Amino acid sequence: MARGGSKLVSIGLGAAILYLGAHAVTGRQGLVAYIDLQAQERMLSERLSELEAEHAALATRAARLAPKTLDLDYLDERARVLLAAGGEGEVVFALAN
């Protein structure tokens, strides 16, 4: 009887090892999920870089329009672009930004 019980224990342990191994690869915190998270992290990191560059550009534009550092040429340019307006005798071509 000891041999039959030993076989049963071996089969049970083998099944447990297979289950845990499969779960380690395909589970919620397994290898596949880890690889997916790595890809998502790279994508979000790239998006963050894009947003930081956009933020820097907008901060520069805002600084040029701040009361203490007002750039009159830039103000004139933005007004003409936004209003599609020109001076007397000027021809205005509206181009997409």
N, C-alpha and C. Protein backbone atom coordinates (compact mmCIF):
# COMPACT_ATOMS: atom_id res chain seq x y z
N MET A 1 0.80 -1.19 0.00
CA MET A 1 0.00 0.00 0.00
C MET A 1 0.85 1.26 0.00
N ALA A 2 2.03 1.16 0.52
CA ALA A 2 2.91 2.32 0.58
C ALA A 2 3.29 2.78 -0.83
N ARG A 3 3.43 1.83 -1.74
CA ARG A 3 3.81 2.19 -3.11
C ARG A 3 2.70 2.94 -3.83
N GLY A 4 1.47 2.53 -3.65
CA GLY A 4 0.32 3.20 -4.27
C GLY A 4 0.16 4.61 -3.74
N GLY A 5 0.35 4.77 -2.46
CA GLY A 5 0.25 6.10 -1.85
C GLY A 5 1.39 6.99 -2.33
N SER A 6 2.56 6.42 -2.54
CA SER A 6 3.71 7.17 -3.01
C SER A 6 3.48 7.67 -4.44
N LYS A 7 2.87 6.81 -5.27
CA LYS A 7 2.55 7.22 -6.63
C LYS A 7 1.54 8.36 -6.64
N LEU A 8 0.56 8.27 -5.79
CA LEU A 8 -0.46 9.30 -5.70
C LEU A 8 0.14 10.64 -5.25
N VAL A 9 1.05 10.57 -4.30
CA VAL A 9 1.72 11.79 -3.83
C VAL A 9 2.57 12.37 -4.96
N SER A 10 3.27 11.53 -5.71
CA SER A 10 4.10 12.00 -6.82
C SER A 10 3.24 12.66 -7.90
N ILE A 11 2.11 12.05 -8.23
CA ILE A 11 1.21 12.62 -9.23
C ILE A 11 0.66 13.96 -8.72
N GLY A 12 0.28 14.02 -7.46
CA GLY A 12 -0.25 15.26 -6.87
C GLY A 12 0.81 16.36 -6.89
N LEU A 13 2.04 16.02 -6.51
CA LEU A 13 3.11 17.03 -6.51
C LEU A 13 3.43 17.47 -7.94
N GLY A 14 3.44 16.53 -8.87
CA GLY A 14 3.69 16.87 -10.28
C GLY A 14 2.63 17.82 -10.81
N ALA A 15 1.37 17.54 -10.48
CA ALA A 15 0.27 18.41 -10.92
C ALA A 15 0.39 19.79 -10.29
N ALA A 16 0.76 19.84 -9.03
CA ALA A 16 0.93 21.13 -8.35
C ALA A 16 2.08 21.93 -8.99
N ILE A 17 3.17 21.25 -9.32
CA ILE A 17 4.31 21.93 -9.94
C ILE A 17 3.92 22.46 -11.32
N LEU A 18 3.20 21.66 -12.10
CA LEU A 18 2.74 22.11 -13.41
C LEU A 18 1.80 23.32 -13.29
N TYR A 19 0.89 23.26 -12.32
CA TYR A 19 -0.04 24.37 -12.13
C TYR A 19 0.71 25.64 -11.75
N LEU A 20 1.60 25.53 -10.79
CA LEU A 20 2.35 26.71 -10.35
C LEU A 20 3.26 27.24 -11.45
N GLY A 21 3.85 26.34 -12.24
CA GLY A 21 4.69 26.77 -13.35
C GLY A 21 3.90 27.51 -14.41
N ALA A 22 2.73 26.97 -14.75
CA ALA A 22 1.88 27.64 -15.75
C ALA A 22 1.40 28.98 -15.23
N HIS A 23 1.07 29.03 -13.95
CA HIS A 23 0.62 30.28 -13.36
C HIS A 23 1.75 31.31 -13.32
N ALA A 24 2.97 30.87 -13.12
CA ALA A 24 4.12 31.78 -13.10
C ALA A 24 4.35 32.40 -14.47
N VAL A 25 3.98 31.71 -15.52
CA VAL A 25 4.17 32.24 -16.88
C VAL A 25 2.97 33.05 -17.32
N THR A 26 1.75 32.54 -17.11
CA THR A 26 0.56 33.18 -17.68
C THR A 26 -0.34 33.86 -16.66
N GLY A 27 -0.01 33.84 -15.40
CA GLY A 27 -0.88 34.42 -14.37
C GLY A 27 -0.88 35.94 -14.39
N ARG A 28 -1.67 36.53 -13.49
CA ARG A 28 -1.79 37.98 -13.41
C ARG A 28 -0.46 38.67 -13.15
N GLN A 29 0.40 38.04 -12.40
CA GLN A 29 1.72 38.59 -12.11
C GLN A 29 2.82 37.72 -12.71
N GLY A 30 2.49 37.02 -13.78
CA GLY A 30 3.43 36.12 -14.42
C GLY A 30 4.32 36.81 -15.43
N LEU A 31 5.08 36.02 -16.14
CA LEU A 31 6.05 36.51 -17.11
C LEU A 31 5.38 37.26 -18.26
N VAL A 32 4.28 36.76 -18.76
CA VAL A 32 3.58 37.43 -19.87
C VAL A 32 3.08 38.80 -19.41
N ALA A 33 2.51 38.88 -18.23
CA ALA A 33 2.04 40.16 -17.69
C ALA A 33 3.20 41.12 -17.49
N TYR A 34 4.34 40.60 -17.06
CA TYR A 34 5.53 41.44 -16.86
C TYR A 34 6.00 42.03 -18.19
N ILE A 35 6.01 41.23 -19.24
CA ILE A 35 6.42 41.72 -20.56
C ILE A 35 5.44 42.78 -21.06
N ASP A 36 4.15 42.56 -20.85
CA ASP A 36 3.14 43.54 -21.24
C ASP A 36 3.33 44.85 -20.48
N LEU A 37 3.62 44.75 -19.19
CA LEU A 37 3.85 45.96 -18.38
C LEU A 37 5.10 46.71 -18.84
N GLN A 38 6.13 45.98 -19.24
CA GLN A 38 7.34 46.62 -19.75
C GLN A 38 7.03 47.42 -21.02
N ALA A 39 6.24 46.84 -21.92
CA ALA A 39 5.87 47.53 -23.16
C ALA A 39 5.01 48.75 -22.85
N GLN A 40 4.10 48.61 -21.91
CA GLN A 40 3.25 49.73 -21.53
C GLN A 40 4.09 50.84 -20.89
N GLU A 41 5.07 50.47 -20.10
CA GLU A 41 5.95 51.46 -19.47
C GLU A 41 6.74 52.24 -20.53
N ARG A 42 7.25 51.54 -21.54
CA ARG A 42 7.98 52.22 -22.62
C ARG A 42 7.06 53.19 -23.36
N MET A 43 5.84 52.76 -23.66
CA MET A 43 4.89 53.61 -24.36
C MET A 43 4.56 54.86 -23.53
N LEU A 44 4.30 54.66 -22.24
CA LEU A 44 3.97 55.79 -21.38
C LEU A 44 5.16 56.72 -21.19
N SER A 45 6.36 56.16 -21.17
CA SER A 45 7.56 56.98 -21.04
C SER A 45 7.74 57.86 -22.28
N GLU A 46 7.49 57.30 -23.46
CA GLU A 46 7.57 58.08 -24.70
C GLU A 46 6.50 59.17 -24.71
N ARG A 47 5.31 58.84 -24.27
CA ARG A 47 4.22 59.82 -24.21
C ARG A 47 4.57 60.94 -23.24
N LEU A 48 5.18 60.58 -22.11
CA LEU A 48 5.59 61.58 -21.14
C LEU A 48 6.62 62.53 -21.74
N SER A 49 7.55 61.99 -22.50
CA SER A 49 8.56 62.84 -23.16
C SER A 49 7.89 63.81 -24.13
N GLU A 50 6.92 63.31 -24.90
CA GLU A 50 6.19 64.18 -25.83
C GLU A 50 5.46 65.28 -25.09
N LEU A 51 4.80 64.92 -23.99
CA LEU A 51 4.04 65.91 -23.23
C LEU A 51 4.96 66.93 -22.56
N GLU A 52 6.13 66.49 -22.11
CA GLU A 52 7.08 67.42 -21.51
C GLU A 52 7.60 68.41 -22.55
N ALA A 53 7.84 67.94 -23.77
CA ALA A 53 8.28 68.83 -24.85
C ALA A 53 7.18 69.83 -25.19
N GLU A 54 5.93 69.35 -25.24
CA GLU A 54 4.80 70.23 -25.52
C GLU A 54 4.64 71.26 -24.41
N HIS A 55 4.82 70.82 -23.17
CA HIS A 55 4.72 71.72 -22.02
C HIS A 55 5.79 72.80 -22.09
N ALA A 56 7.00 72.41 -22.45
CA ALA A 56 8.09 73.39 -22.55
C ALA A 56 7.79 74.42 -23.64
N ALA A 57 7.25 73.97 -24.77
CA ALA A 57 6.91 74.89 -25.86
C ALA A 57 5.80 75.85 -25.43
N LEU A 58 4.80 75.33 -24.74
CA LEU A 58 3.71 76.19 -24.27
C LEU A 58 4.19 77.16 -23.19
N ALA A 59 5.09 76.72 -22.33
CA ALA A 59 5.64 77.61 -21.30
C ALA A 59 6.42 78.74 -21.94
N THR A 60 7.15 78.43 -23.00
CA THR A 60 7.90 79.47 -23.72
C THR A 60 6.95 80.47 -24.34
N ARG A 61 5.90 79.97 -24.97
CA ARG A 61 4.91 80.87 -25.59
C ARG A 61 4.23 81.74 -24.53
N ALA A 62 3.90 81.14 -23.39
CA ALA A 62 3.25 81.90 -22.32
C ALA A 62 4.19 82.96 -21.75
N ALA A 63 5.47 82.61 -21.63
CA ALA A 63 6.44 83.57 -21.11
C ALA A 63 6.58 84.77 -22.05
N ARG A 64 6.48 84.52 -23.35
CA ARG A 64 6.59 85.61 -24.32
C ARG A 64 5.39 86.54 -24.26
N LEU A 65 4.29 86.08 -23.70
CA LEU A 65 3.09 86.90 -23.60
C LEU A 65 2.83 87.41 -22.18
N ALA A 66 3.72 87.10 -21.24
CA ALA A 66 3.56 87.56 -19.86
C ALA A 66 3.75 89.08 -19.81
N PRO A 67 3.04 89.74 -18.91
CA PRO A 67 3.12 91.21 -18.86
C PRO A 67 4.53 91.77 -18.68
N LYS A 68 5.36 91.14 -17.87
CA LYS A 68 6.70 91.68 -17.62
C LYS A 68 7.67 91.41 -18.76
N THR A 69 7.40 90.40 -19.57
CA THR A 69 8.31 90.04 -20.66
C THR A 69 7.59 90.00 -21.99
N LEU A 70 6.64 90.89 -22.17
CA LEU A 70 5.82 90.88 -23.38
C LEU A 70 6.66 91.15 -24.63
N ASP A 71 6.56 90.23 -25.57
CA ASP A 71 7.24 90.35 -26.87
C ASP A 71 6.20 90.88 -27.86
N LEU A 72 6.31 92.16 -28.18
CA LEU A 72 5.30 92.81 -29.02
C LEU A 72 5.24 92.21 -30.42
N ASP A 73 6.39 91.81 -30.97
CA ASP A 73 6.39 91.19 -32.29
C ASP A 73 5.63 89.86 -32.27
N TYR A 74 5.87 89.09 -31.22
CA TYR A 74 5.17 87.80 -31.09
C TYR A 74 3.67 88.04 -30.89
N LEU A 75 3.31 89.03 -30.09
CA LEU A 75 1.91 89.36 -29.86
C LEU A 75 1.24 89.74 -31.18
N ASP A 76 1.91 90.57 -31.98
CA ASP A 76 1.37 90.97 -33.28
C ASP A 76 1.20 89.77 -34.19
N GLU A 77 2.21 88.88 -34.19
CA GLU A 77 2.14 87.67 -35.03
C GLU A 77 0.97 86.79 -34.63
N ARG A 78 0.80 86.55 -33.33
CA ARG A 78 -0.28 85.68 -32.85
C ARG A 78 -1.64 86.30 -33.15
N ALA A 79 -1.76 87.62 -32.99
CA ALA A 79 -3.03 88.28 -33.27
C ALA A 79 -3.38 88.14 -34.74
N ARG A 80 -2.39 88.32 -35.61
CA ARG A 80 -2.65 88.19 -37.05
C ARG A 80 -3.04 86.76 -37.41
N VAL A 81 -2.38 85.79 -36.81
CA VAL A 81 -2.69 84.39 -37.11
C VAL A 81 -4.07 84.02 -36.61
N LEU A 82 -4.37 84.36 -35.37
CA LEU A 82 -5.64 83.96 -34.78
C LEU A 82 -6.83 84.69 -35.40
N LEU A 83 -6.62 85.94 -35.77
CA LEU A 83 -7.72 86.72 -36.33
C LEU A 83 -7.74 86.72 -37.85
N ALA A 84 -6.70 86.12 -38.43
CA ALA A 84 -6.54 86.11 -39.89
C ALA A 84 -6.67 87.54 -40.42
N ALA A 85 -5.98 88.45 -39.76
CA ALA A 85 -6.07 89.86 -40.10
C ALA A 85 -4.72 90.36 -40.60
N GLY A 86 -4.77 91.36 -41.41
CA GLY A 86 -3.55 91.98 -41.91
C GLY A 86 -3.72 93.48 -41.93
N GLY A 87 -2.65 94.12 -42.18
CA GLY A 87 -2.69 95.57 -42.27
C GLY A 87 -3.23 96.01 -43.62
N GLU A 88 -3.38 97.33 -43.76
CA GLU A 88 -3.90 97.88 -45.00
C GLU A 88 -2.91 97.59 -46.13
N GLY A 89 -3.39 97.06 -47.22
CA GLY A 89 -2.53 96.77 -48.35
C GLY A 89 -1.84 95.42 -48.27
N GLU A 90 -2.11 94.64 -47.25
CA GLU A 90 -1.50 93.32 -47.10
C GLU A 90 -2.48 92.25 -47.56
N VAL A 91 -1.92 91.18 -48.09
CA VAL A 91 -2.74 90.03 -48.48
C VAL A 91 -2.49 88.95 -47.44
N VAL A 92 -3.55 88.36 -46.92
CA VAL A 92 -3.44 87.36 -45.87
C VAL A 92 -3.70 85.98 -46.45
N PHE A 93 -2.76 85.08 -46.21
CA PHE A 93 -2.91 83.67 -46.59
C PHE A 93 -3.02 82.87 -45.31
N ALA A 94 -4.12 82.19 -45.10
CA ALA A 94 -4.30 81.37 -43.90
C ALA A 94 -3.75 79.99 -44.16
N LEU A 95 -2.73 79.61 -43.41
CA LEU A 95 -2.10 78.30 -43.53
C LEU A 95 -2.43 77.49 -42.29
N ALA A 96 -2.61 76.21 -42.45
CA ALA A 96 -2.89 75.34 -41.30
C ALA A 96 -1.63 75.20 -40.47
N ASN A 97 -1.80 75.24 -39.14
CA ASN A 97 -0.66 75.07 -38.22
C ASN A 97 -0.38 73.63 -38.00
